[in-house]
Amino acid sequence: MNNLTTDSTDRALAAMRYRTAVRDLEHIVRNIAGRYIVQRVPLTWRLLHAIEAEALADLGFASRHDALMLGLFQRPSDLPYPETDDAVDFGTSTALPAVFAFAVSAYEEAAHGAVQRASQSAAHKRVRAWGD
């Protein structure tokens, strides 16, 4: 009986450590991607690989999480992606390495926000009877 309690506590702690690492990595990736987004650099395969390399090499991330946890975020070597200057397109795939998913999400959110701001700006201009 005592072993069941210990096992469930260990699983809960491991899950909490994993969630913390995911949030940490997502924050790092979004900051890196954000630098490129504000410069209006399109998301290419080459840039996606660079974002991945920088995020996984982040010394703060590496110091906050153990090697086993860090290994969970490494892209498997048998999962190759192009390293070209072509725009990133995953089609309908939802099975992405964590760093790729966070970077693509940051870019998609930025694009969505830009579309919303443009439509709000256009609507605001139409309301003004005197022009501008």
N, C-alpha and C. Protein backbone atom coordinates (compact mmCIF):
# COMPACT_ATOMS: atom_id res chain seq x y z
N MET A 1 0.83 -1.19 0.00
CA MET A 1 0.00 0.00 0.00
C MET A 1 0.87 1.25 0.00
N ASN A 2 1.91 1.26 0.82
CA ASN A 2 2.81 2.40 0.90
C ASN A 2 3.51 2.64 -0.43
N ASN A 3 3.80 1.57 -1.16
CA ASN A 3 4.47 1.69 -2.45
C ASN A 3 3.57 2.40 -3.47
N LEU A 4 2.27 2.16 -3.42
CA LEU A 4 1.33 2.83 -4.32
C LEU A 4 1.32 4.33 -4.08
N THR A 5 1.36 4.74 -2.84
CA THR A 5 1.39 6.16 -2.51
C THR A 5 2.67 6.80 -3.01
N THR A 6 3.79 6.12 -2.82
CA THR A 6 5.07 6.65 -3.29
C THR A 6 5.09 6.75 -4.81
N ASP A 7 4.58 5.72 -5.49
CA ASP A 7 4.55 5.74 -6.95
C ASP A 7 3.70 6.88 -7.48
N SER A 8 2.53 7.08 -6.89
CA SER A 8 1.67 8.16 -7.38
C SER A 8 2.28 9.53 -7.07
N THR A 9 2.97 9.65 -5.95
CA THR A 9 3.65 10.91 -5.62
C THR A 9 4.78 11.16 -6.61
N ASP A 10 5.55 10.12 -6.93
CA ASP A 10 6.64 10.26 -7.90
C ASP A 10 6.10 10.66 -9.27
N ARG A 11 5.00 10.05 -9.68
CA ARG A 11 4.39 10.39 -10.98
C ARG A 11 3.90 11.83 -10.98
N ALA A 12 3.29 12.24 -9.89
CA ALA A 12 2.79 13.62 -9.79
C ALA A 12 3.94 14.62 -9.85
N LEU A 13 5.03 14.32 -9.15
CA LEU A 13 6.19 15.21 -9.18
C LEU A 13 6.83 15.26 -10.56
N ALA A 14 6.92 14.10 -11.21
CA ALA A 14 7.49 14.05 -12.56
C ALA A 14 6.62 14.84 -13.53
N ALA A 15 5.31 14.71 -13.40
CA ALA A 15 4.40 15.46 -14.27
C ALA A 15 4.53 16.96 -14.05
N MET A 16 4.68 17.36 -12.79
CA MET A 16 4.84 18.77 -12.47
C MET A 16 6.16 19.30 -13.04
N ARG A 17 7.23 18.53 -12.90
CA ARG A 17 8.53 18.93 -13.45
C ARG A 17 8.45 19.06 -14.98
N TYR A 18 7.74 18.14 -15.61
CA TYR A 18 7.59 18.19 -17.07
C TYR A 18 6.81 19.43 -17.49
N ARG A 19 5.69 19.70 -16.83
CA ARG A 19 4.90 20.89 -17.17
C ARG A 19 5.71 22.17 -16.99
N THR A 20 6.51 22.22 -15.94
CA THR A 20 7.37 23.38 -15.69
C THR A 20 8.38 23.54 -16.81
N ALA A 21 8.98 22.45 -17.25
CA ALA A 21 9.96 22.50 -18.35
C ALA A 21 9.30 22.93 -19.65
N VAL A 22 8.09 22.44 -19.91
CA VAL A 22 7.37 22.82 -21.12
C VAL A 22 7.09 24.31 -21.13
N ARG A 23 6.59 24.83 -20.01
CA ARG A 23 6.32 26.28 -19.93
C ARG A 23 7.60 27.10 -20.11
N ASP A 24 8.67 26.63 -19.50
CA ASP A 24 9.97 27.30 -19.61
C ASP A 24 10.44 27.32 -21.06
N LEU A 25 10.40 26.17 -21.71
CA LEU A 25 10.85 26.09 -23.10
C LEU A 25 9.96 26.93 -24.02
N GLU A 26 8.66 26.89 -23.80
CA GLU A 26 7.75 27.69 -24.62
C GLU A 26 8.07 29.18 -24.48
N HIS A 27 8.33 29.62 -23.27
CA HIS A 27 8.68 31.02 -23.03
C HIS A 27 9.96 31.39 -23.78
N ILE A 28 10.94 30.53 -23.72
CA ILE A 28 12.22 30.77 -24.41
C ILE A 28 12.01 30.84 -25.92
N VAL A 29 11.28 29.87 -26.47
CA VAL A 29 11.05 29.83 -27.92
C VAL A 29 10.26 31.05 -28.37
N ARG A 30 9.24 31.43 -27.62
CA ARG A 30 8.44 32.60 -28.01
C ARG A 30 9.28 33.88 -27.98
N ASN A 31 10.20 33.99 -27.03
CA ASN A 31 11.08 35.16 -27.00
C ASN A 31 12.00 35.18 -28.21
N ILE A 32 12.56 34.04 -28.55
CA ILE A 32 13.44 33.96 -29.71
C ILE A 32 12.64 34.27 -30.98
N ALA A 33 11.51 33.61 -31.15
CA ALA A 33 10.68 33.83 -32.35
C ALA A 33 10.22 35.28 -32.40
N GLY A 34 9.92 35.86 -31.25
CA GLY A 34 9.46 37.24 -31.20
C GLY A 34 10.47 38.22 -31.77
N ARG A 35 11.75 37.94 -31.58
CA ARG A 35 12.78 38.82 -32.16
C ARG A 35 12.67 38.85 -33.68
N TYR A 36 12.38 37.71 -34.27
CA TYR A 36 12.26 37.64 -35.73
C TYR A 36 10.92 38.18 -36.21
N ILE A 37 9.89 37.96 -35.43
CA ILE A 37 8.55 38.43 -35.80
C ILE A 37 8.53 39.95 -35.87
N VAL A 38 9.11 40.64 -34.89
CA VAL A 38 9.09 42.11 -34.91
C VAL A 38 9.91 42.67 -36.07
N GLN A 39 10.86 41.89 -36.55
CA GLN A 39 11.66 42.30 -37.71
C GLN A 39 11.00 41.86 -39.02
N ARG A 40 9.85 41.20 -38.91
CA ARG A 40 9.09 40.70 -40.05
C ARG A 40 9.88 39.69 -40.89
N VAL A 41 10.68 38.87 -40.22
CA VAL A 41 11.44 37.81 -40.88
C VAL A 41 10.50 36.63 -41.03
N PRO A 42 10.30 36.14 -42.27
CA PRO A 42 9.39 35.01 -42.45
C PRO A 42 9.95 33.74 -41.84
N LEU A 43 9.06 32.86 -41.44
CA LEU A 43 9.47 31.59 -40.84
C LEU A 43 9.83 30.60 -41.94
N THR A 44 11.11 30.37 -42.09
CA THR A 44 11.60 29.39 -43.05
C THR A 44 12.10 28.18 -42.30
N TRP A 45 12.36 27.11 -43.03
CA TRP A 45 12.89 25.91 -42.39
C TRP A 45 14.24 26.21 -41.72
N ARG A 46 15.07 26.97 -42.41
CA ARG A 46 16.39 27.30 -41.86
C ARG A 46 16.25 28.09 -40.55
N LEU A 47 15.34 29.05 -40.52
CA LEU A 47 15.11 29.83 -39.31
C LEU A 47 14.53 28.95 -38.21
N LEU A 48 13.64 28.06 -38.56
CA LEU A 48 13.06 27.17 -37.56
C LEU A 48 14.14 26.31 -36.90
N HIS A 49 15.07 25.82 -37.69
CA HIS A 49 16.18 25.04 -37.13
C HIS A 49 17.06 25.92 -36.23
N ALA A 50 17.27 27.17 -36.64
CA ALA A 50 18.08 28.09 -35.83
C ALA A 50 17.39 28.39 -34.50
N ILE A 51 16.08 28.59 -34.53
CA ILE A 51 15.32 28.83 -33.30
C ILE A 51 15.43 27.60 -32.39
N GLU A 52 15.29 26.43 -32.97
CA GLU A 52 15.39 25.20 -32.19
C GLU A 52 16.77 25.08 -31.53
N ALA A 53 17.81 25.31 -32.31
CA ALA A 53 19.17 25.19 -31.78
C ALA A 53 19.41 26.18 -30.65
N GLU A 54 18.97 27.43 -30.84
CA GLU A 54 19.17 28.45 -29.81
C GLU A 54 18.38 28.12 -28.54
N ALA A 55 17.15 27.69 -28.70
CA ALA A 55 16.31 27.39 -27.53
C ALA A 55 16.88 26.22 -26.72
N LEU A 56 17.28 25.18 -27.41
CA LEU A 56 17.78 24.00 -26.70
C LEU A 56 19.17 24.22 -26.12
N ALA A 57 19.88 25.22 -26.63
CA ALA A 57 21.21 25.55 -26.10
C ALA A 57 21.15 26.60 -25.00
N ASP A 58 19.96 27.08 -24.69
CA ASP A 58 19.80 28.12 -23.67
C ASP A 58 20.36 27.62 -22.35
N LEU A 59 21.34 28.33 -21.83
CA LEU A 59 22.01 27.91 -20.60
C LEU A 59 21.08 27.93 -19.39
N GLY A 60 20.18 28.89 -19.35
CA GLY A 60 19.23 28.95 -18.25
C GLY A 60 18.31 27.74 -18.25
N PHE A 61 17.83 27.37 -19.42
CA PHE A 61 16.97 26.19 -19.54
C PHE A 61 17.72 24.94 -19.10
N ALA A 62 18.95 24.81 -19.58
CA ALA A 62 19.76 23.64 -19.23
C ALA A 62 20.07 23.58 -17.73
N SER A 63 20.23 24.73 -17.11
CA SER A 63 20.57 24.73 -15.68
C SER A 63 19.35 24.48 -14.80
N ARG A 64 18.16 24.76 -15.32
CA ARG A 64 16.95 24.59 -14.51
C ARG A 64 16.36 23.19 -14.58
N HIS A 65 16.80 22.40 -15.56
CA HIS A 65 16.20 21.07 -15.76
C HIS A 65 17.30 20.03 -15.94
N ASP A 66 17.04 18.83 -15.45
CA ASP A 66 18.05 17.77 -15.54
C ASP A 66 18.17 17.22 -16.97
N ALA A 67 19.23 16.46 -17.20
CA ALA A 67 19.53 15.95 -18.53
C ALA A 67 18.41 15.07 -19.09
N LEU A 68 17.79 14.29 -18.25
CA LEU A 68 16.69 13.43 -18.71
C LEU A 68 15.54 14.28 -19.24
N MET A 69 15.22 15.34 -18.51
CA MET A 69 14.13 16.22 -18.94
C MET A 69 14.51 16.93 -20.24
N LEU A 70 15.74 17.40 -20.35
CA LEU A 70 16.19 18.07 -21.56
C LEU A 70 16.11 17.14 -22.76
N GLY A 71 16.43 15.88 -22.54
CA GLY A 71 16.38 14.90 -23.62
C GLY A 71 14.99 14.70 -24.20
N LEU A 72 13.98 14.95 -23.39
CA LEU A 72 12.60 14.80 -23.87
C LEU A 72 12.25 15.81 -24.96
N PHE A 73 13.00 16.91 -25.02
CA PHE A 73 12.69 17.97 -25.99
C PHE A 73 13.60 17.94 -27.22
N GLN A 74 14.54 17.02 -27.23
CA GLN A 74 15.41 16.89 -28.40
C GLN A 74 14.62 16.23 -29.52
N ARG A 75 14.75 16.78 -30.71
CA ARG A 75 14.08 16.19 -31.87
C ARG A 75 14.79 14.90 -32.24
N PRO A 76 14.04 13.81 -32.41
CA PRO A 76 14.70 12.55 -32.79
C PRO A 76 15.45 12.69 -34.11
N SER A 77 16.62 12.09 -34.20
CA SER A 77 17.44 12.21 -35.40
C SER A 77 16.79 11.56 -36.61
N ASP A 78 15.89 10.63 -36.38
CA ASP A 78 15.22 9.99 -37.51
C ASP A 78 13.97 10.77 -37.95
N LEU A 79 13.84 11.99 -37.48
CA LEU A 79 12.73 12.87 -37.85
C LEU A 79 13.31 14.09 -38.56
N PRO A 80 13.77 13.89 -39.81
CA PRO A 80 14.43 14.99 -40.52
C PRO A 80 13.42 15.99 -41.08
N TYR A 81 13.83 17.23 -41.09
CA TYR A 81 13.04 18.29 -41.71
C TYR A 81 13.98 19.04 -42.64
N PRO A 82 13.43 19.67 -43.69
CA PRO A 82 14.30 20.39 -44.63
C PRO A 82 15.07 21.51 -43.94
N GLU A 83 16.21 21.86 -44.47
CA GLU A 83 16.97 23.01 -43.98
C GLU A 83 17.18 23.97 -45.15
N THR A 84 16.06 24.50 -45.62
CA THR A 84 16.07 25.38 -46.78
C THR A 84 15.48 26.73 -46.39
N ASP A 85 15.48 27.64 -47.34
CA ASP A 85 14.88 28.95 -47.12
C ASP A 85 13.43 28.99 -47.59
N ASP A 86 12.84 27.82 -47.79
CA ASP A 86 11.43 27.74 -48.14
C ASP A 86 10.58 28.02 -46.90
N ALA A 87 9.40 28.54 -47.12
CA ALA A 87 8.48 28.80 -46.01
C ALA A 87 8.10 27.49 -45.34
N VAL A 88 7.94 27.53 -44.04
CA VAL A 88 7.58 26.33 -43.27
C VAL A 88 6.13 25.97 -43.58
N ASP A 89 5.92 24.69 -43.87
CA ASP A 89 4.57 24.20 -44.11
C ASP A 89 4.49 22.77 -43.60
N PHE A 90 3.72 22.56 -42.57
CA PHE A 90 3.55 21.23 -42.01
C PHE A 90 2.30 20.57 -42.54
N GLY A 91 1.59 21.25 -43.42
CA GLY A 91 0.34 20.70 -43.93
C GLY A 91 -0.65 20.54 -42.79
N THR A 92 -1.21 19.35 -42.69
CA THR A 92 -2.19 19.10 -41.63
C THR A 92 -1.59 18.33 -40.46
N SER A 93 -0.28 18.15 -40.48
CA SER A 93 0.38 17.40 -39.40
C SER A 93 0.25 18.13 -38.08
N THR A 94 -0.04 17.37 -37.05
CA THR A 94 -0.10 17.93 -35.70
C THR A 94 0.99 17.32 -34.82
N ALA A 95 1.80 16.45 -35.40
CA ALA A 95 2.88 15.80 -34.65
C ALA A 95 4.18 16.57 -34.90
N LEU A 96 4.41 17.59 -34.10
CA LEU A 96 5.58 18.43 -34.27
C LEU A 96 6.47 18.34 -33.04
N PRO A 97 7.78 18.46 -33.24
CA PRO A 97 8.65 18.59 -32.07
C PRO A 97 8.24 19.84 -31.28
N ALA A 98 8.44 19.82 -29.99
CA ALA A 98 7.96 20.90 -29.12
C ALA A 98 8.43 22.28 -29.57
N VAL A 99 9.73 22.43 -29.84
CA VAL A 99 10.25 23.75 -30.22
C VAL A 99 9.59 24.22 -31.51
N PHE A 100 9.46 23.32 -32.49
CA PHE A 100 8.81 23.69 -33.75
C PHE A 100 7.38 24.14 -33.50
N ALA A 101 6.66 23.40 -32.68
CA ALA A 101 5.26 23.74 -32.40
C ALA A 101 5.14 25.10 -31.74
N PHE A 102 6.02 25.39 -30.78
CA PHE A 102 5.97 26.69 -30.10
C PHE A 102 6.29 27.83 -31.06
N ALA A 103 7.29 27.65 -31.93
CA ALA A 103 7.66 28.70 -32.88
C ALA A 103 6.56 28.93 -33.90
N VAL A 104 6.02 27.86 -34.44
CA VAL A 104 4.93 27.99 -35.42
C VAL A 104 3.73 28.67 -34.77
N SER A 105 3.42 28.31 -33.54
CA SER A 105 2.30 28.93 -32.83
C SER A 105 2.53 30.42 -32.64
N ALA A 106 3.75 30.81 -32.28
CA ALA A 106 4.07 32.23 -32.10
C ALA A 106 3.87 32.99 -33.40
N TYR A 107 4.33 32.42 -34.50
CA TYR A 107 4.17 33.07 -35.80
C TYR A 107 2.70 33.14 -36.21
N GLU A 108 1.94 32.06 -35.97
CA GLU A 108 0.52 32.07 -36.31
C GLU A 108 -0.24 33.11 -35.49
N GLU A 109 0.08 33.21 -34.21
CA GLU A 109 -0.59 34.20 -33.37
C GLU A 109 -0.24 35.62 -33.81
N ALA A 110 1.00 35.85 -34.20
CA ALA A 110 1.40 37.17 -34.69
C ALA A 110 0.67 37.50 -35.98
N ALA A 111 0.54 36.53 -36.87
CA ALA A 111 -0.16 36.77 -38.13
C ALA A 111 -1.64 37.04 -37.87
N HIS A 112 -2.24 36.28 -36.97
CA HIS A 112 -3.64 36.49 -36.62
C HIS A 112 -3.85 37.88 -36.02
N GLY A 113 -2.94 38.28 -35.14
CA GLY A 113 -3.03 39.61 -34.53
C GLY A 113 -2.89 40.72 -35.57
N ALA A 114 -2.01 40.52 -36.54
CA ALA A 114 -1.81 41.52 -37.60
C ALA A 114 -3.07 41.65 -38.45
N VAL A 115 -3.72 40.54 -38.74
CA VAL A 115 -4.96 40.57 -39.53
C VAL A 115 -6.05 41.29 -38.74
N GLN A 116 -6.15 41.00 -37.44
CA GLN A 116 -7.16 41.67 -36.62
C GLN A 116 -6.92 43.17 -36.55
N ARG A 117 -5.66 43.55 -36.36
CA ARG A 117 -5.35 44.99 -36.29
C ARG A 117 -5.65 45.68 -37.62
N ALA A 118 -5.37 45.02 -38.72
CA ALA A 118 -5.64 45.60 -40.03
C ALA A 118 -7.14 45.75 -40.27
N SER A 119 -7.92 44.76 -39.87
CA SER A 119 -9.37 44.87 -40.07
C SER A 119 -9.98 45.91 -39.15
N GLN A 120 -9.46 46.03 -37.92
CA GLN A 120 -9.95 47.06 -37.00
C GLN A 120 -9.60 48.45 -37.52
N SER A 121 -8.42 48.58 -38.07
CA SER A 121 -7.99 49.85 -38.61
C SER A 121 -8.85 50.25 -39.81
N ALA A 122 -9.14 49.27 -40.67
CA ALA A 122 -9.99 49.55 -41.83
C ALA A 122 -11.40 49.91 -41.40
N ALA A 123 -11.94 49.23 -40.41
CA ALA A 123 -13.28 49.53 -39.91
C ALA A 123 -13.32 50.91 -39.27
N HIS A 124 -12.27 51.24 -38.56
CA HIS A 124 -12.20 52.55 -37.91
C HIS A 124 -12.16 53.66 -38.96
N LYS A 125 -11.44 53.46 -40.03
CA LYS A 125 -11.35 54.47 -41.09
C LYS A 125 -12.67 54.65 -41.80
N ARG A 126 -13.44 53.58 -41.96
CA ARG A 126 -14.75 53.68 -42.64
C ARG A 126 -15.74 54.47 -41.80
N VAL A 127 -15.63 54.43 -40.50
CA VAL A 127 -16.58 55.09 -39.61
C VAL A 127 -16.41 56.60 -39.68
N ARG A 128 -15.22 57.05 -39.94
CA ARG A 128 -14.96 58.49 -39.96
C ARG A 128 -15.53 59.14 -41.23
N ALA A 129 -16.48 59.97 -41.06
CA ALA A 129 -17.17 60.61 -42.19
C ALA A 129 -16.30 61.65 -42.87
N TRP A 130 -15.35 62.22 -42.17
CA TRP A 130 -14.56 63.31 -42.71
C TRP A 130 -13.30 62.84 -43.45
N GLY A 131 -13.07 61.54 -43.50
CA GLY A 131 -11.91 61.03 -44.25
C GLY A 131 -10.75 60.70 -43.35
N ASP A 132 -9.55 60.74 -43.92
CA ASP A 132 -8.28 60.40 -43.29
C ASP A 132 -7.82 59.10 -43.73
